[in-house]
Amino acid sequence: IQGAGGDADHPTLVVARVNPSSPPEKGSTVHLAP
C-alpha cells in the first residue's frame, strides 16, 4: 500500500486470503476492504 504509514521507498505490506481458483495477477492493482 502506498501511504498508510509507508512511502514509495518503504510501502506498507499487507497479506490477504483470496479465492484460490481465480487469484489476482502479480503486478496488478486490486482494492482491499477490511
All heavy atoms as atom14 arrays in JSON, in Angstrom:
{
  "sequence": "IQGAGGDADHPTLVVARVNPSSPPEKGSTVHLAP",
  "atom14_mask": [
    [1, 1, 1, 1, 1, 1, 1, 1, 0, 0, 0, 0, 0, 0],
    [1, 1, 1, 1, 1, 1, 1, 1, 1, 0, 0, 0, 0, 0],
    [1, 1, 1, 1, 0, 0, 0, 0, 0, 0, 0, 0, 0, 0],
    [1, 1, 1, 1, 1, 0, 0, 0, 0, 0, 0, 0, 0, 0],
    [1, 1, 1, 1, 0, 0, 0, 0, 0, 0, 0, 0, 0, 0],
    [1, 1, 1, 1, 0, 0, 0, 0, 0, 0, 0, 0, 0, 0],
    [1, 1, 1, 1, 1, 1, 1, 1, 0, 0, 0, 0, 0, 0],
    [1, 1, 1, 1, 1, 0, 0, 0, 0, 0, 0, 0, 0, 0],
    [1, 1, 1, 1, 1, 1, 1, 1, 0, 0, 0, 0, 0, 0],
    [1, 1, 1, 1, 1, 1, 1, 1, 1, 1, 0, 0, 0, 0],
    [1, 1, 1, 1, 1, 1, 1, 0, 0, 0, 0, 0, 0, 0],
    [1, 1, 1, 1, 1, 1, 1, 0, 0, 0, 0, 0, 0, 0],
    [1, 1, 1, 1, 1, 1, 1, 1, 0, 0, 0, 0, 0, 0],
    [1, 1, 1, 1, 1, 1, 1, 0, 0, 0, 0, 0, 0, 0],
    [1, 1, 1, 1, 1, 1, 1, 0, 0, 0, 0, 0, 0, 0],
    [1, 1, 1, 1, 1, 0, 0, 0, 0, 0, 0, 0, 0, 0],
    [1, 1, 1, 1, 1, 1, 1, 1, 1, 1, 1, 0, 0, 0],
    [1, 1, 1, 1, 1, 1, 1, 0, 0, 0, 0, 0, 0, 0],
    [1, 1, 1, 1, 1, 1, 1, 1, 0, 0, 0, 0, 0, 0],
    [1, 1, 1, 1, 1, 1, 1, 0, 0, 0, 0, 0, 0, 0],
    [1, 1, 1, 1, 1, 1, 0, 0, 0, 0, 0, 0, 0, 0],
    [1, 1, 1, 1, 1, 1, 0, 0, 0, 0, 0, 0, 0, 0],
    [1, 1, 1, 1, 1, 1, 1, 0, 0, 0, 0, 0, 0, 0],
    [1, 1, 1, 1, 1, 1, 1, 0, 0, 0, 0, 0, 0, 0],
    [1, 1, 1, 1, 1, 1, 1, 1, 1, 0, 0, 0, 0, 0],
    [1, 1, 1, 1, 1, 1, 1, 1, 1, 0, 0, 0, 0, 0],
    [1, 1, 1, 1, 0, 0, 0, 0, 0, 0, 0, 0, 0, 0],
    [1, 1, 1, 1, 1, 1, 0, 0, 0, 0, 0, 0, 0, 0],
    [1, 1, 1, 1, 1, 1, 1, 0, 0, 0, 0, 0, 0, 0],
    [1, 1, 1, 1, 1, 1, 1, 0, 0, 0, 0, 0, 0, 0],
    [1, 1, 1, 1, 1, 1, 1, 1, 1, 1, 0, 0, 0, 0],
    [1, 1, 1, 1, 1, 1, 1, 1, 0, 0, 0, 0, 0, 0],
    [1, 1, 1, 1, 1, 0, 0, 0, 0, 0, 0, 0, 0, 0],
    [1, 1, 1, 1, 1, 1, 1, 0, 0, 0, 0, 0, 0, 0]
  ],
  "atom14_positions": [
    [[0.86, -1.18, 0.0], [0.0, 0.0, 0.0], [0.89, 1.23, 0.0], [1.79, 1.34, 0.83], [-0.89, 0.06, 1.26], [-1.63, -1.26, 1.48], [-1.87, 1.21, 1.19], [-2.32, -1.34, 2.83], [0.0, 0.0, 0.0], [0.0, 0.0, 0.0], [0.0, 0.0, 0.0], [0.0, 0.0, 0.0], [0.0, 0.0, 0.0], [0.0, 0.0, 0.0]],
    [[0.66, 2.15, -0.9], [1.38, 3.42, -0.84], [0.65, 4.32, 0.16], [-0.57, 4.36, 0.2], [1.4, 4.08, -2.22], [2.06, 3.24, -3.3], [3.49, 2.89, -2.99], [4.21, 3.68, -2.37], [3.92, 1.7, -3.39], [0.0, 0.0, 0.0], [0.0, 0.0, 0.0], [0.0, 0.0, 0.0], [0.0, 0.0, 0.0], [0.0, 0.0, 0.0]],
    [[1.42, 5.05, 0.96], [0.81, 5.81, 2.05], [0.53, 4.87, 3.21], [1.19, 3.85, 3.37], [0.0, 0.0, 0.0], [0.0, 0.0, 0.0], [0.0, 0.0, 0.0], [0.0, 0.0, 0.0], [0.0, 0.0, 0.0], [0.0, 0.0, 0.0], [0.0, 0.0, 0.0], [0.0, 0.0, 0.0], [0.0, 0.0, 0.0], [0.0, 0.0, 0.0]],
    [[-0.41, 5.19, 4.05], [-0.8, 4.35, 5.18], [0.39, 3.91, 6.0], [0.61, 2.75, 6.27], [-1.57, 3.13, 4.69], [0.0, 0.0, 0.0], [0.0, 0.0, 0.0], [0.0, 0.0, 0.0], [0.0, 0.0, 0.0], [0.0, 0.0, 0.0], [0.0, 0.0, 0.0], [0.0, 0.0, 0.0], [0.0, 0.0, 0.0], [0.0, 0.0, 0.0]],
    [[1.21, 4.88, 6.38], [2.36, 4.57, 7.21], [3.6, 4.25, 6.41], [4.66, 4.02, 6.97], [0.0, 0.0, 0.0], [0.0, 0.0, 0.0], [0.0, 0.0, 0.0], [0.0, 0.0, 0.0], [0.0, 0.0, 0.0], [0.0, 0.0, 0.0], [0.0, 0.0, 0.0], [0.0, 0.0, 0.0], [0.0, 0.0, 0.0], [0.0, 0.0, 0.0]],
    [[3.51, 4.23, 5.09], [4.68, 3.95, 4.26], [4.88, 5.04, 3.24], [4.21, 6.06, 3.23], [0.0, 0.0, 0.0], [0.0, 0.0, 0.0], [0.0, 0.0, 0.0], [0.0, 0.0, 0.0], [0.0, 0.0, 0.0], [0.0, 0.0, 0.0], [0.0, 0.0, 0.0], [0.0, 0.0, 0.0], [0.0, 0.0, 0.0], [0.0, 0.0, 0.0]],
    [[5.86, 4.86, 2.34], [6.08, 5.78, 1.25], [6.52, 4.98, 0.04], [6.53, 3.75, 0.07], [7.12, 6.85, 1.64], [8.42, 6.24, 2.15], [8.88, 5.24, 1.54], [8.96, 6.74, 3.15], [0.0, 0.0, 0.0], [0.0, 0.0, 0.0], [0.0, 0.0, 0.0], [0.0, 0.0, 0.0], [0.0, 0.0, 0.0], [0.0, 0.0, 0.0]],
    [[6.91, 5.66, -1.02], [7.25, 4.97, -2.26], [8.42, 4.01, -2.07], [8.48, 2.95, -2.71], [7.57, 5.99, -3.34], [0.0, 0.0, 0.0], [0.0, 0.0, 0.0], [0.0, 0.0, 0.0], [0.0, 0.0, 0.0], [0.0, 0.0, 0.0], [0.0, 0.0, 0.0], [0.0, 0.0, 0.0], [0.0, 0.0, 0.0], [0.0, 0.0, 0.0]],
    [[9.37, 4.36, -1.21], [10.53, 3.51, -0.98], [10.28, 2.45, 0.08], [10.93, 1.41, 0.1], [11.73, 4.37, -0.57], [12.17, 5.32, -1.68], [12.12, 4.89, -2.85], [12.54, 6.46, -1.37], [0.0, 0.0, 0.0], [0.0, 0.0, 0.0], [0.0, 0.0, 0.0], [0.0, 0.0, 0.0], [0.0, 0.0, 0.0], [0.0, 0.0, 0.0]],
    [[9.35, 2.73, 1.0], [9.05, 1.79, 2.09], [7.53, 1.62, 2.22], [6.92, 2.13, 3.16], [9.64, 2.29, 3.41], [11.12, 2.49, 3.36], [11.68, 3.71, 3.01], [12.15, 1.63, 3.58], [13.0, 3.59, 3.05], [13.31, 2.34, 3.39], [0.0, 0.0, 0.0], [0.0, 0.0, 0.0], [0.0, 0.0, 0.0], [0.0, 0.0, 0.0]],
    [[6.92, 0.95, 1.26], [5.46, 0.81, 1.31], [5.03, -0.11, 2.46], [5.78, -0.96, 2.92], [5.13, 0.17, -0.04], [6.37, -0.57, -0.42], [7.5, 0.26, 0.1], [0.0, 0.0, 0.0], [0.0, 0.0, 0.0], [0.0, 0.0, 0.0], [0.0, 0.0, 0.0], [0.0, 0.0, 0.0], [0.0, 0.0, 0.0], [0.0, 0.0, 0.0]],
    [[3.79, 0.09, 2.91], [3.2, -0.81, 3.9], [2.8, -2.1, 3.21], [2.16, -2.08, 2.16], [1.97, -0.14, 4.53], [2.39, 1.06, 5.19], [1.31, -1.07, 5.53], [0.0, 0.0, 0.0], [0.0, 0.0, 0.0], [0.0, 0.0, 0.0], [0.0, 0.0, 0.0], [0.0, 0.0, 0.0], [0.0, 0.0, 0.0], [0.0, 0.0, 0.0]],
    [[3.19, -3.23, 3.8], [2.89, -4.54, 3.22], [1.63, -5.12, 3.84], [1.35, -4.9, 5.03], [4.07, -5.48, 3.41], [5.4, -5.01, 2.82], [6.5, -6.04, 3.1], [5.28, -4.77, 1.32], [0.0, 0.0, 0.0], [0.0, 0.0, 0.0], [0.0, 0.0, 0.0], [0.0, 0.0, 0.0], [0.0, 0.0, 0.0], [0.0, 0.0, 0.0]],
    [[0.88, -5.86, 3.08], [-0.37, -6.44, 3.54], [-0.54, -7.82, 2.92], [-0.07, -8.08, 1.8], [-1.56, -5.51, 3.17], [-1.75, -5.42, 1.67], [-2.84, -5.96, 3.85], [0.0, 0.0, 0.0], [0.0, 0.0, 0.0], [0.0, 0.0, 0.0], [0.0, 0.0, 0.0], [0.0, 0.0, 0.0], [0.0, 0.0, 0.0], [0.0, 0.0, 0.0]],
    [[-1.2, -8.72, 3.66], [-1.48, -10.07, 3.17], [-2.99, -10.29, 3.25], [-3.62, -9.94, 4.25], [-0.77, -11.14, 4.02], [-1.05, -12.54, 3.47], [0.73, -10.89, 4.07], [0.0, 0.0, 0.0], [0.0, 0.0, 0.0], [0.0, 0.0, 0.0], [0.0, 0.0, 0.0], [0.0, 0.0, 0.0], [0.0, 0.0, 0.0], [0.0, 0.0, 0.0]],
    [[-3.55, -10.86, 2.19], [-5.0, -11.14, 2.16], [-5.23, -12.53, 1.59], [-4.54, -12.95, 0.66], [-5.73, -10.09, 1.33], [0.0, 0.0, 0.0], [0.0, 0.0, 0.0], [0.0, 0.0, 0.0], [0.0, 0.0, 0.0], [0.0, 0.0, 0.0], [0.0, 0.0, 0.0], [0.0, 0.0, 0.0], [0.0, 0.0, 0.0], [0.0, 0.0, 0.0]],
    [[-6.21, -13.23, 2.15], [-6.59, -14.52, 1.58], [-7.59, -14.26, 0.45], [-8.57, -13.53, 0.64], [-7.23, -15.41, 2.63], [-7.5, -16.83, 2.12], [-7.8, -17.8, 3.24], [-9.09, -17.53, 3.85], [-9.55, -18.2, 4.9], [-8.81, -19.15, 5.47], [-10.74, -17.91, 5.41], [0.0, 0.0, 0.0], [0.0, 0.0, 0.0], [0.0, 0.0, 0.0]],
    [[-7.34, -14.84, -0.72], [-8.18, -14.61, -1.89], [-8.67, -15.95, -2.43], [-8.21, -17.01, -2.01], [-7.41, -13.83, -2.98], [-7.07, -12.43, -2.5], [-6.13, -14.56, -3.39], [0.0, 0.0, 0.0], [0.0, 0.0, 0.0], [0.0, 0.0, 0.0], [0.0, 0.0, 0.0], [0.0, 0.0, 0.0], [0.0, 0.0, 0.0], [0.0, 0.0, 0.0]],
    [[-9.58, -15.88, -3.38], [-10.14, -17.08, -3.98], [-9.04, -17.86, -4.71], [-8.43, -17.35, -5.65], [-11.24, -16.67, -4.97], [-12.0, -17.87, -5.52], [-11.53, -19.01, -5.45], [-13.16, -17.62, -6.09], [0.0, 0.0, 0.0], [0.0, 0.0, 0.0], [0.0, 0.0, 0.0], [0.0, 0.0, 0.0], [0.0, 0.0, 0.0], [0.0, 0.0, 0.0]],
    [[-8.76, -19.1, -4.31], [-7.66, -19.84, -4.93], [-7.92, -20.22, -6.39], [-6.98, -20.5, -7.13], [-7.54, -21.09, -4.06], [-8.87, -21.26, -3.43], [-9.4, -19.87, -3.23], [0.0, 0.0, 0.0], [0.0, 0.0, 0.0], [0.0, 0.0, 0.0], [0.0, 0.0, 0.0], [0.0, 0.0, 0.0], [0.0, 0.0, 0.0], [0.0, 0.0, 0.0]],
    [[-9.18, -20.21, -6.79], [-9.49, -20.58, -8.18], [-9.3, -19.43, -9.16], [-9.18, -19.65, -10.37], [-10.93, -21.1, -8.27], [-11.85, -20.09, -7.9], [0.0, 0.0, 0.0], [0.0, 0.0, 0.0], [0.0, 0.0, 0.0], [0.0, 0.0, 0.0], [0.0, 0.0, 0.0], [0.0, 0.0, 0.0], [0.0, 0.0, 0.0], [0.0, 0.0, 0.0]],
    [[-9.26, -18.19, -8.65], [-9.06, -17.04, -9.54], [-8.29, -15.93, -8.82], [-8.82, -14.85, -8.59], [-10.42, -16.51, -10.03], [-11.24, -16.17, -8.92], [0.0, 0.0, 0.0], [0.0, 0.0, 0.0], [0.0, 0.0, 0.0], [0.0, 0.0, 0.0], [0.0, 0.0, 0.0], [0.0, 0.0, 0.0], [0.0, 0.0, 0.0], [0.0, 0.0, 0.0]],
    [[-7.02, -16.2, -8.45], [-6.25, -15.18, -7.73], [-5.83, -14.05, -8.66], [-5.72, -14.24, -9.88], [-5.03, -15.97, -7.25], [-4.87, -17.07, -8.25], [-6.27, -17.44, -8.65], [0.0, 0.0, 0.0], [0.0, 0.0, 0.0], [0.0, 0.0, 0.0], [0.0, 0.0, 0.0], [0.0, 0.0, 0.0], [0.0, 0.0, 0.0], [0.0, 0.0, 0.0]],
    [[-5.6, -12.85, -8.12], [-5.15, -11.72, -8.94], [-3.76, -11.99, -9.55], [-2.99, -12.81, -9.04], [-5.09, -10.55, -7.95], [-5.93, -10.98, -6.79], [-5.8, -12.45, -6.72], [0.0, 0.0, 0.0], [0.0, 0.0, 0.0], [0.0, 0.0, 0.0], [0.0, 0.0, 0.0], [0.0, 0.0, 0.0], [0.0, 0.0, 0.0], [0.0, 0.0, 0.0]],
    [[-3.46, -11.28, -10.61], [-2.17, -11.43, -11.28], [-1.11, -10.61, -10.56], [-1.37, -9.51, -10.06], [-2.27, -10.96, -12.74], [-3.16, -11.82, -13.62], [-2.55, -13.19, -13.88], [-1.3, -13.29, -13.92], [-3.32, -14.15, -14.03], [0.0, 0.0, 0.0], [0.0, 0.0, 0.0], [0.0, 0.0, 0.0], [0.0, 0.0, 0.0], [0.0, 0.0, 0.0]],
    [[0.1, -11.13, -10.54], [1.23, -10.39, -9.98], [1.43, -9.09, -10.76], [1.37, -9.07, -12.0], [2.5, -11.24, -10.05], [3.74, -10.55, -9.53], [4.97, -11.44, -9.65], [6.23, -10.7, -9.21], [7.44, -11.56, -9.33], [0.0, 0.0, 0.0], [0.0, 0.0, 0.0], [0.0, 0.0, 0.0], [0.0, 0.0, 0.0], [0.0, 0.0, 0.0]],
    [[1.62, -7.99, -10.04], [1.83, -6.69, -10.67], [0.56, -5.9, -10.89], [0.61, -4.71, -11.17], [0.0, 0.0, 0.0], [0.0, 0.0, 0.0], [0.0, 0.0, 0.0], [0.0, 0.0, 0.0], [0.0, 0.0, 0.0], [0.0, 0.0, 0.0], [0.0, 0.0, 0.0], [0.0, 0.0, 0.0], [0.0, 0.0, 0.0], [0.0, 0.0, 0.0]],
    [[-0.6, -6.56, -10.71], [-1.86, -5.84, -10.9], [-2.19, -5.03, -9.66], [-1.59, -5.2, -8.59], [-2.99, -6.83, -11.19], [-3.19, -7.7, -10.09], [0.0, 0.0, 0.0], [0.0, 0.0, 0.0], [0.0, 0.0, 0.0], [0.0, 0.0, 0.0], [0.0, 0.0, 0.0], [0.0, 0.0, 0.0], [0.0, 0.0, 0.0], [0.0, 0.0, 0.0]],
    [[-3.15, -4.12, -9.79], [-3.62, -3.34, -8.65], [-5.03, -3.79, -8.29], [-5.91, -3.87, -9.17], [-3.63, -1.84, -8.96], [-2.28, -1.41, -9.19], [-4.18, -1.04, -7.78], [0.0, 0.0, 0.0], [0.0, 0.0, 0.0], [0.0, 0.0, 0.0], [0.0, 0.0, 0.0], [0.0, 0.0, 0.0], [0.0, 0.0, 0.0], [0.0, 0.0, 0.0]],
    [[-5.24, -4.11, -7.05], [-6.57, -4.51, -6.57], [-6.94, -3.59, -5.41], [-6.12, -2.85, -4.89], [-6.59, -5.98, -6.11], [-6.25, -6.91, -7.25], [-5.64, -6.18, -4.93], [0.0, 0.0, 0.0], [0.0, 0.0, 0.0], [0.0, 0.0, 0.0], [0.0, 0.0, 0.0], [0.0, 0.0, 0.0], [0.0, 0.0, 0.0], [0.0, 0.0, 0.0]],
    [[-8.21, -3.66, -5.01], [-8.68, -2.87, -3.87], [-9.15, -3.83, -2.78], [-9.93, -4.74, -3.05], [-9.81, -1.93, -4.29], [-9.34, -0.79, -5.13], [-8.99, -0.95, -6.46], [-9.14, 0.53, -4.84], [-8.61, 0.22, -6.95], [-8.69, 1.13, -5.99], [0.0, 0.0, 0.0], [0.0, 0.0, 0.0], [0.0, 0.0, 0.0], [0.0, 0.0, 0.0]],
    [[-8.64, -3.62, -1.58], [-9.0, -4.46, -0.45], [-9.77, -3.65, 0.58], [-9.44, -2.5, 0.85], [-7.74, -5.04, 0.21], [-6.9, -6.01, -0.63], [-5.64, -6.4, 0.12], [-7.7, -7.25, -1.0], [0.0, 0.0, 0.0], [0.0, 0.0, 0.0], [0.0, 0.0, 0.0], [0.0, 0.0, 0.0], [0.0, 0.0, 0.0], [0.0, 0.0, 0.0]],
    [[-10.79, -4.28, 1.15], [-11.59, -3.62, 2.18], [-11.59, -4.46, 3.45], [-11.92, -5.65, 3.39], [-13.02, -3.42, 1.69], [0.0, 0.0, 0.0], [0.0, 0.0, 0.0], [0.0, 0.0, 0.0], [0.0, 0.0, 0.0], [0.0, 0.0, 0.0], [0.0, 0.0, 0.0], [0.0, 0.0, 0.0], [0.0, 0.0, 0.0], [0.0, 0.0, 0.0]],
    [[-11.2, -3.89, 4.61], [-11.33, -4.61, 5.88], [-12.81, -4.84, 6.17], [-13.57, -3.89, 6.38], [-10.7, -3.65, 6.89], [-9.89, -2.68, 6.09], [-10.61, -2.56, 4.78], [0.0, 0.0, 0.0], [0.0, 0.0, 0.0], [0.0, 0.0, 0.0], [0.0, 0.0, 0.0], [0.0, 0.0, 0.0], [0.0, 0.0, 0.0], [0.0, 0.0, 0.0]]
  ]
}
